[in-house]
Every structure is written in C-alpha cells, then in structure tokens.
Amino acid sequence: MRRPEPRPEDRAGQHLMGGFPGTAPPLTLLERIGAGRLGGVILFKRNIESAAQLLELTDALQRAAARSPLGHPLLIAIDEEGGRVSRLSADFTLLPPARNLGRIGDPGLARAAARAVGEELRAVGVNLDFAPVLDLLTNPACAVIGDRSFGEDPAAASALGAAFAAGLQEAGVGACAKHFPGIGSMAPDPHETLPSSDLSLDGLRRRELVPFRGALAPGPPGGGVAAVMAAHALFTRIDPERPASLSPRFLRDLLRGELGFGGLAVTDDLEMGAIADAAQAAWDSLRAGADLALVCHTEELQERAWRRILEGLKAEEIPPDEQFRSLRRISEIKVRYAAPPLSHQLEQGDLARRHRERERIVGCAAHRAIRQKVI
C-alpha cells in the first residue's frame, strides 16, 4: 500500500535552514525542529567552543529532529573553508585558506586536506560543509573572496575544487560549491549590498562556470558535488531583475538545465544586505528552483519564512510534482550524508562511543601532518 504524501505543514520546514545564538540550543529552536519547521541548522563560531561541546550540540539537535512529523534528520551545515572563513575551535585541524592550495597546485593534496576536515566534521555530527569556494579571483579588489579562492585560472580552480569536494564527500560530509555562478569579478560585498556584473552568459561559460562544471561532473575526480550555493549577485545581461539566488534563469535554465545538476540547490544567507525581504525571498528562491533557503540569524525571520513557504506550498504556487521533486532531492542528500543515522545515534550509550571516536579523530597527528603540507 502506497504511503500518503506528507502534508505541506510537515514538509515546508524541510526547505528552510536556520541559525541561532549560543553554544547550547535554545528551547524554542528545539521546539521548532521538533514541530518540523526547520529542516537544517547552520553553525557559526558563536555556536562552537570545543569539539566535545559541538558533538553534544549536534546530538541534541538530531534528537529534536527525530521527534518531528517526518522524523527526517537535520542537515547540519558549517562554513569551514579554511583561513579566515573557519568556524571551528582550536582543537580541530584548521586549514589555511584555499589560496595556499592554489599556489601549491596539487589536487591530491587538496583532496587529502578536505578529507581530513570532513572526517573531523563527521566525528562531531556536522554533515554539510559550505565549501569549496569556486569563485575565480579575476578582480583583486574583490575582498569578499580574496584568499578564499583557489586563484584566477579556471582549469586549475576546477581541478582543485573537484578534488576538495571529493575529499569531503569521501569522508561522509556533503560538499557545497559556491558562489554560483561566480562572483570573483565583482568588488561589492553581498553581505552589505547587491553586487552586479555586465558579464554575458558566454562570458560566464568561458571562465566563471568552468570550476562549477568540474565539481558538478559525475565520476572522478569530484564524483558530483552534493550541493551548490547560489550567489546574491545581479548579472544584468542575463537577468536584469533578480539576483542569481532568486532567478529561474540561473537556477532552472543554467544550473539544472545546461549544467544538468541534480543535487541540492541552496541560497546564500537571505539576511544579507543584498536581500530586502528575507521571508519573501525564501519563497522566491524556491519558485526559482532552489531547494533550501538559508535564514541564518533571526528566529522571527525564520518563522516568517516558514509561514510564507507553507502558504506557497498550500496554494500550489509551485506545481505539486515540482514540490515533491525538490523534497526528494533534500531527502536523498539526508540519506547519504546526515550523520550519523538516527536509528544508530539514539541507541543507549552510543553518544559515549562517539565521544571516544571524536577524541581519536579530531586534531589527530595524521591530520596535522596534512595541514603542515598546505601552510
């Protein structure tokens, strides 16, 4: 007998990822997760004081998710790129910025370094890393990218990015290529305002899209990146009205259509200055072809976004078949990467075993030796 499709009330939250303050989950956060109003959580430095504390935190979050109507585990994400964009505490193996890997130019080392990071993330219950950065640094004035980029050469960035993604995913952590379709030619920071470019689609194809093609391709070296993060950036010759993160021209036509991407499409943080209304933008991004909207800081905005998503799903502003295709993409990523499986995680005494494993893996000598090769 076929199981009934989940109600909009039970699946709206699967399309929403939120952040929170503090190193312990607020009661209201656990309640919203348990009610199914968040399908993912993003962690920042404000949430992490040690590897031991982080494992306790992710365990508490997943226990709340196990009580939700669908019972699906959370995507627990982090921006752990290395260098200045690093959220982890000092007891982890912290990589230098991607620029170092770009200068060395060894995809094998990039893969090994990412695998080390992924093993440590997996050991503390983080299952999605918003890395690698695939923006080409074609404009030295682009401070928001800067040393986060592998460099300006498309072929080199493609090889290094695919290898980095492969290393993370070999460790059991989903990789997310960003910031699609590439913002390294722009100077303004989308955290503050909406940057724009007059690059044509052919111009993007020749340079900016090359690393994304490499990371998205199935099979070795990358194996197909799990997720792609769309940028809050306006490309006036392609879509003069909407940033890439809210544009069907980029998400449906280019990412899904031309590039054939079948994985998870996520937005950058919708609370950035580039976006006027985070709640409405969350729904607009889903209509444009995204699967997961990020509202990273404010509970009230997350709740408004959830209500707008629920309203849109109920009204079938997105056709039902498209709604369920998107939900399946989220579910497939969770099946593959949501760590550890809840049936195993919730066994009595399992958390103590996981702490022993964490002590063995996080900051281990083998990982520190790999880091030394990247410095």
Protein backbone atom coordinates (compact mmCIF):
# COMPACT_ATOMS: atom_id res chain seq x y z
CA MET A 1 0.00 0.00 0.00
CA ARG A 2 1.39 3.38 -1.01
CA ARG A 3 2.18 5.77 1.83
CA PRO A 4 0.34 9.10 1.68
CA GLU A 5 2.36 12.14 0.63
CA PRO A 6 3.38 14.33 3.58
CA ARG A 7 1.27 17.40 4.25
CA PRO A 8 2.55 20.89 3.39
CA GLU A 9 2.68 21.62 7.13
CA ASP A 10 5.11 18.73 7.59
CA ARG A 11 7.37 19.46 4.63
CA ALA A 12 7.60 23.27 4.50
CA GLY A 13 10.39 23.27 7.07
CA GLN A 14 12.45 20.83 5.00
CA HIS A 15 13.15 23.75 2.67
CA LEU A 16 14.48 26.01 5.44
CA MET A 17 17.82 26.15 7.25
CA GLY A 18 18.35 28.50 10.19
CA GLY A 19 20.98 29.59 12.68
CA PHE A 20 20.81 30.53 16.35
CA PRO A 21 22.91 32.21 19.06
CA GLY A 22 24.85 30.42 21.78
CA THR A 23 26.63 27.12 22.34
CA ALA A 24 23.52 25.25 23.54
CA PRO A 25 20.29 25.02 21.55
CA PRO A 26 17.55 27.36 22.81
CA LEU A 27 14.33 25.64 23.83
CA THR A 28 12.41 27.50 21.12
CA LEU A 29 14.82 26.13 18.50
CA LEU A 30 14.34 22.55 19.69
CA GLU A 31 10.57 23.07 19.69
CA ARG A 32 10.61 24.38 16.12
CA ILE A 33 12.79 21.50 14.96
CA GLY A 34 10.51 19.01 16.73
CA ALA A 35 7.49 20.60 15.05
CA GLY A 36 9.16 20.22 11.64
CA ARG A 37 9.63 23.94 10.98
CA LEU A 38 13.36 23.66 10.26
CA GLY A 39 14.99 21.00 8.10
CA GLY A 40 18.52 22.20 8.67
CA VAL A 41 20.72 24.20 11.01
CA ILE A 42 23.80 26.24 10.16
CA LEU A 43 26.54 26.65 12.75
CA PHE A 44 28.85 29.63 13.24
CA LYS A 45 31.78 30.37 15.53
CA ARG A 46 29.27 31.70 18.08
CA ASN A 47 27.95 28.13 18.46
CA ILE A 48 31.26 26.30 18.96
CA GLU A 49 33.64 26.28 21.90
CA SER A 50 35.14 22.77 21.59
CA ALA A 51 34.79 19.52 19.70
CA ALA A 52 33.23 17.83 22.73
CA GLN A 53 30.64 20.58 23.12
CA LEU A 54 29.89 20.52 19.38
CA LEU A 55 29.14 16.80 19.41
CA GLU A 56 26.75 17.29 22.33
CA LEU A 57 25.09 20.14 20.43
CA THR A 58 24.56 18.24 17.19
CA ASP A 59 23.28 15.23 19.13
CA ALA A 60 20.67 17.41 20.87
CA LEU A 61 19.61 18.90 17.54
CA GLN A 62 19.20 15.50 15.89
CA ARG A 63 17.25 14.15 18.85
CA ALA A 64 14.79 17.00 18.37
CA ALA A 65 14.55 16.20 14.64
CA ALA A 66 13.74 12.58 15.44
CA ARG A 67 10.54 13.82 17.11
CA SER A 68 9.43 15.84 14.06
CA PRO A 69 6.42 14.75 11.99
CA LEU A 70 8.58 13.30 9.20
CA GLY A 71 11.34 12.12 11.52
CA HIS A 72 13.98 13.16 9.00
CA PRO A 73 17.44 14.03 10.32
CA LEU A 74 18.70 17.58 10.05
CA LEU A 75 21.23 18.85 7.61
CA ILE A 76 23.77 20.40 9.98
CA ALA A 77 25.96 22.75 7.99
CA ILE A 78 29.02 24.91 8.51
CA ASP A 79 31.24 27.25 6.50
CA GLU A 80 34.57 25.50 7.02
CA GLU A 81 36.67 26.68 4.10
CA GLY A 82 39.97 27.24 5.91
CA GLY A 83 41.72 30.52 6.56
CA ARG A 84 39.54 33.44 7.60
CA VAL A 85 36.29 31.57 6.96
CA SER A 86 36.57 28.93 9.66
CA ARG A 87 34.00 28.32 12.39
CA LEU A 88 35.67 25.52 14.33
CA SER A 89 37.51 25.75 17.65
CA ALA A 90 41.27 25.46 18.10
CA ASP A 91 41.18 21.73 18.95
CA PHE A 92 40.28 20.93 15.32
CA THR A 93 42.70 20.72 12.40
CA LEU A 94 42.26 24.19 10.86
CA LEU A 95 43.37 24.58 7.26
CA PRO A 96 44.99 27.67 5.74
CA PRO A 97 42.98 29.50 3.05
CA ALA A 98 42.27 27.98 -0.35
CA ARG A 99 44.83 30.35 -1.89
CA ASN A 100 47.56 28.17 -0.38
CA LEU A 101 46.23 25.12 -2.19
CA GLY A 102 46.02 27.19 -5.36
CA ARG A 103 49.69 28.16 -5.10
CA ILE A 104 50.76 24.56 -4.48
CA GLY A 105 48.57 23.31 -7.33
CA ASP A 106 48.29 19.68 -6.19
CA PRO A 107 44.76 18.22 -6.46
CA GLY A 108 45.86 15.17 -4.48
CA LEU A 109 46.83 17.36 -1.55
CA ALA A 110 43.57 19.32 -1.83
CA ARG A 111 41.66 16.05 -1.68
CA ALA A 112 43.61 14.78 1.34
CA ALA A 113 43.22 18.10 3.18
CA ALA A 114 39.47 18.16 2.58
CA ARG A 115 39.15 14.53 3.63
CA ALA A 116 40.84 15.38 6.93
CA VAL A 117 38.41 18.26 7.50
CA GLY A 118 35.48 16.04 6.54
CA GLU A 119 36.49 13.27 8.93
CA GLU A 120 36.62 15.75 11.81
CA LEU A 121 33.28 17.31 10.88
CA ARG A 122 31.67 13.90 10.58
CA ALA A 123 33.04 12.94 14.00
CA VAL A 124 31.13 15.81 15.64
CA GLY A 125 27.87 15.38 13.71
CA VAL A 126 28.25 18.04 11.00
CA ASN A 127 27.14 16.63 7.66
CA LEU A 128 27.31 19.51 5.14
CA ASP A 129 30.21 21.89 4.50
CA PHE A 130 29.59 25.06 2.52
CA ALA A 131 32.87 24.62 0.67
CA PRO A 132 34.73 24.73 -1.69
CA VAL A 133 34.71 28.32 -2.92
CA LEU A 134 34.84 28.10 -6.73
CA ASP A 135 34.82 31.83 -7.48
CA LEU A 136 37.74 32.84 -9.69
CA LEU A 137 39.66 35.79 -8.29
CA THR A 138 39.59 37.80 -11.51
CA ASN A 139 39.23 41.12 -9.66
CA PRO A 140 41.89 41.72 -6.97
CA ALA A 141 39.52 44.30 -5.42
CA CYS A 142 37.00 41.54 -4.61
CA ALA A 143 37.80 41.44 -0.90
CA VAL A 144 34.83 39.23 -0.02
CA ILE A 145 36.52 36.41 -2.00
CA GLY A 146 40.24 37.22 -1.91
CA ASP A 147 42.27 34.36 -0.44
CA ARG A 148 39.17 32.16 -0.22
CA SER A 149 39.64 31.44 -3.95
CA PHE A 150 41.97 28.85 -5.45
CA GLY A 151 43.06 31.59 -7.88
CA GLU A 152 42.18 33.06 -11.24
CA ASP A 153 42.97 30.15 -13.57
CA PRO A 154 39.74 28.31 -14.50
CA ALA A 155 41.32 24.93 -15.21
CA ALA A 156 43.40 24.92 -12.02
CA ALA A 157 40.45 26.02 -9.87
CA SER A 158 38.31 23.33 -11.50
CA ALA A 159 40.78 20.56 -10.68
CA LEU A 160 41.38 21.76 -7.12
CA GLY A 161 37.70 22.40 -6.43
CA ALA A 162 36.62 18.98 -7.70
CA ALA A 163 39.34 17.34 -5.61
CA PHE A 164 38.38 19.29 -2.48
CA ALA A 165 34.71 18.34 -2.91
CA ALA A 166 35.66 14.71 -3.44
CA GLY A 167 37.74 14.66 -0.25
CA LEU A 168 34.88 15.99 1.86
CA GLN A 169 32.41 13.53 0.40
CA GLU A 170 34.75 10.56 0.79
CA ALA A 171 34.71 11.41 4.50
CA GLY A 172 30.90 11.32 4.54
CA VAL A 173 30.26 15.07 4.51
CA GLY A 174 28.38 16.74 1.68
CA ALA A 175 30.29 19.44 -0.20
CA CYS A 176 28.64 22.64 -1.44
CA ALA A 177 30.23 24.53 -4.34
CA LYS A 178 29.83 28.30 -4.07
CA HIS A 179 29.04 31.08 -5.03
CA PHE A 180 27.26 30.10 -8.26
CA PRO A 181 27.77 31.31 -10.98
CA GLY A 182 30.91 33.04 -9.63
CA ILE A 183 31.38 36.47 -8.04
CA GLY A 184 35.16 36.87 -8.09
CA SER A 185 34.95 39.59 -10.74
CA MET A 186 32.83 41.86 -8.50
CA ALA A 187 34.02 44.28 -5.84
CA PRO A 188 30.90 44.97 -3.69
CA ASP A 189 30.20 42.61 -0.79
CA PRO A 190 26.73 40.95 -0.91
CA HIS A 191 26.73 40.99 2.90
CA GLU A 192 26.26 44.76 2.56
CA THR A 193 24.69 45.44 -0.85
CA LEU A 194 23.73 43.73 -4.11
CA PRO A 195 26.74 43.46 -6.43
CA SER A 196 26.18 43.48 -10.18
CA SER A 197 28.06 42.49 -13.30
CA ASP A 198 27.60 43.02 -17.03
CA LEU A 199 29.16 39.66 -17.89
CA SER A 200 27.26 37.82 -20.60
CA LEU A 201 26.28 34.17 -20.41
CA ASP A 202 29.02 33.35 -22.91
CA GLY A 203 31.47 35.24 -20.72
CA LEU A 204 30.45 33.16 -17.72
CA ARG A 205 30.77 29.96 -19.75
CA ARG A 206 34.32 30.81 -20.80
CA ARG A 207 35.63 31.43 -17.27
CA GLU A 208 33.44 31.59 -14.16
CA LEU A 209 31.44 28.44 -14.86
CA VAL A 210 34.46 26.23 -15.60
CA PRO A 211 35.15 25.30 -11.94
CA PHE A 212 31.45 24.59 -11.35
CA ARG A 213 31.32 22.28 -14.36
CA GLY A 214 34.28 20.38 -12.94
CA ALA A 215 32.75 20.00 -9.49
CA LEU A 216 29.30 19.05 -10.79
CA ALA A 217 30.53 16.36 -13.18
CA PRO A 218 29.73 12.81 -12.03
CA GLY A 219 32.56 10.33 -11.65
CA PRO A 220 36.18 11.09 -10.74
CA PRO A 221 37.73 13.35 -9.67
CA GLY A 222 34.80 15.07 -7.96
CA GLY A 223 32.11 12.41 -8.08
CA GLY A 224 29.46 15.10 -8.36
CA VAL A 225 29.21 17.72 -5.64
CA ALA A 226 26.24 17.28 -3.29
CA ALA A 227 25.09 20.92 -3.29
CA VAL A 228 25.54 24.27 -4.99
CA MET A 229 25.08 27.64 -3.27
CA ALA A 230 23.67 30.44 -5.43
CA ALA A 231 25.06 33.94 -5.05
CA HIS A 232 23.22 37.14 -4.22
CA ALA A 233 24.59 38.84 -7.33
CA LEU A 234 22.91 40.52 -10.28
CA PHE A 235 24.03 39.73 -13.83
CA THR A 236 22.28 42.46 -15.77
CA ARG A 237 22.73 40.95 -19.24
CA ILE A 238 21.21 37.62 -18.15
CA ASP A 239 18.50 38.55 -15.64
CA PRO A 240 18.34 42.30 -15.01
CA GLU A 241 15.67 41.99 -12.29
CA ARG A 242 16.69 39.16 -9.95
CA PRO A 243 19.96 38.05 -8.32
CA ALA A 244 21.16 34.58 -9.25
CA SER A 245 19.86 33.18 -5.95
CA LEU A 246 16.29 34.17 -6.89
CA SER A 247 16.48 33.75 -10.66
CA PRO A 248 14.96 30.88 -12.66
CA ARG A 249 17.34 31.84 -15.45
CA PHE A 250 20.24 30.76 -13.27
CA LEU A 251 18.74 28.03 -11.10
CA ARG A 252 16.45 26.27 -13.58
CA ASP A 253 17.85 27.09 -17.00
CA LEU A 254 21.57 27.22 -16.28
CA LEU A 255 22.21 25.07 -13.19
CA ARG A 256 19.56 22.38 -13.70
CA GLY A 257 19.19 22.62 -17.47
CA GLU A 258 22.51 23.40 -19.14
CA LEU A 259 24.78 22.02 -16.40
CA GLY A 260 22.50 19.08 -15.61
CA PHE A 261 22.80 19.43 -11.84
CA GLY A 262 20.52 17.07 -9.93
CA GLY A 263 21.70 17.78 -6.40
CA LEU A 264 20.73 20.29 -3.74
CA ALA A 265 20.46 23.97 -4.73
CA VAL A 266 20.75 26.31 -1.74
CA THR A 267 20.73 30.07 -1.32
CA ASP A 268 23.32 32.15 0.43
CA ASP A 269 22.11 33.74 3.67
CA LEU A 270 18.91 35.65 2.93
CA GLU A 271 19.57 38.02 5.83
CA MET A 272 22.43 39.62 3.91
CA GLY A 273 22.17 43.26 2.90
CA ALA A 274 21.76 42.26 -0.74
CA ILE A 275 18.24 40.93 0.03
CA ALA A 276 15.41 43.28 1.03
CA ASP A 277 12.86 40.81 2.47
CA ALA A 278 14.27 37.51 3.73
CA ALA A 279 10.91 35.78 4.22
CA GLN A 280 9.59 36.58 0.76
CA ALA A 281 12.99 35.84 -0.76
CA ALA A 282 12.93 32.36 0.80
CA TRP A 283 9.80 31.56 -1.17
CA ASP A 284 11.02 33.34 -4.29
CA SER A 285 14.18 31.23 -4.25
CA LEU A 286 12.15 28.01 -4.14
CA ARG A 287 9.96 29.18 -7.00
CA ALA A 288 13.11 29.94 -8.98
CA GLY A 289 14.42 26.40 -8.50
CA ALA A 290 16.27 26.33 -5.17
CA ASP A 291 15.60 23.53 -2.69
CA LEU A 292 16.84 25.07 0.55
CA ALA A 293 16.65 28.67 1.78
CA LEU A 294 19.12 29.93 4.39
CA VAL A 295 17.96 32.38 7.07
CA CYS A 296 20.99 32.32 9.30
CA HIS A 297 20.44 34.54 12.30
CA THR A 298 16.96 35.71 13.32
CA GLU A 299 14.27 33.40 14.69
CA GLU A 300 11.45 35.78 13.80
CA LEU A 301 12.59 35.91 10.16
CA GLN A 302 12.90 32.13 10.08
CA GLU A 303 9.33 31.79 11.31
CA ARG A 304 8.09 34.31 8.75
CA ALA A 305 9.93 32.42 6.02
CA TRP A 306 8.39 29.13 7.16
CA ARG A 307 4.90 30.63 7.05
CA ARG A 308 5.50 32.05 3.56
CA ILE A 309 6.80 28.71 2.31
CA LEU A 310 3.81 26.90 3.82
CA GLU A 311 1.41 29.38 2.24
CA GLY A 312 3.03 28.93 -1.17
CA LEU A 313 3.04 25.14 -0.98
CA LYS A 314 -0.63 25.04 0.03
CA ALA A 315 -1.61 27.41 -2.76
CA GLU A 316 0.40 25.31 -5.23
CA GLU A 317 2.33 28.36 -6.41
CA ILE A 318 4.87 25.69 -7.30
CA PRO A 319 3.22 22.73 -9.09
CA PRO A 320 2.93 19.69 -6.80
CA ASP A 321 5.18 17.49 -8.95
CA GLU A 322 7.95 20.10 -8.69
CA GLN A 323 7.38 20.39 -4.94
CA PHE A 324 7.93 16.68 -4.46
CA ARG A 325 10.96 16.54 -6.78
CA SER A 326 12.59 19.18 -4.60
CA LEU A 327 11.64 17.32 -1.42
CA ARG A 328 13.17 14.13 -2.86
CA ARG A 329 16.44 15.94 -3.58
CA ILE A 330 16.59 17.05 0.06
CA SER A 331 15.72 13.55 1.29
CA GLU A 332 18.38 11.95 -0.92
CA ILE A 333 21.09 14.23 0.47
CA LYS A 334 19.96 13.45 4.01
CA VAL A 335 20.01 9.71 3.38
CA ARG A 336 23.53 9.96 2.03
CA TYR A 337 25.12 12.43 4.43
CA ALA A 338 23.00 13.10 7.53
CA ALA A 339 25.38 11.78 10.14
CA PRO A 340 25.00 9.55 12.00
CA PRO A 341 21.78 7.70 11.10
CA LEU A 342 19.23 8.47 13.77
CA SER A 343 18.42 4.82 14.38
CA HIS A 344 22.06 4.37 15.40
CA GLN A 345 22.54 7.73 17.06
CA LEU A 346 19.73 7.26 19.54
CA GLU A 347 20.90 3.90 20.83
CA GLN A 348 21.61 3.92 24.54
CA GLY A 349 25.29 4.56 25.21
CA ASP A 350 26.06 5.49 21.62
CA LEU A 351 26.98 9.09 22.45
CA ALA A 352 29.78 7.89 24.74
CA ARG A 353 31.16 5.76 21.90
CA ARG A 354 31.00 8.74 19.56
CA HIS A 355 32.92 10.86 22.05
CA ARG A 356 35.67 8.24 22.09
CA GLU A 357 35.74 8.31 18.30
CA ARG A 358 35.85 12.12 18.32
CA GLU A 359 38.84 12.07 20.67
CA ARG A 360 40.65 9.76 18.26
CA ILE A 361 39.90 11.76 15.10
CA VAL A 362 39.71 15.48 15.87
CA GLY A 363 43.12 17.16 15.70
CA CYS A 364 44.93 13.84 15.22
CA ALA A 365 48.58 13.69 14.20
CA ALA A 366 47.80 12.44 10.70
CA HIS A 367 45.53 15.41 10.02
CA ARG A 368 48.02 17.88 11.47
CA ALA A 369 50.69 16.46 9.17
CA ILE A 370 48.48 17.10 6.15
CA ARG A 371 47.86 20.66 7.33
CA GLN A 372 51.60 21.28 7.52
CA LYS A 373 51.89 20.47 3.83
CA VAL A 374 49.39 23.23 3.00
CA ILE A 375 50.96 26.03 5.05
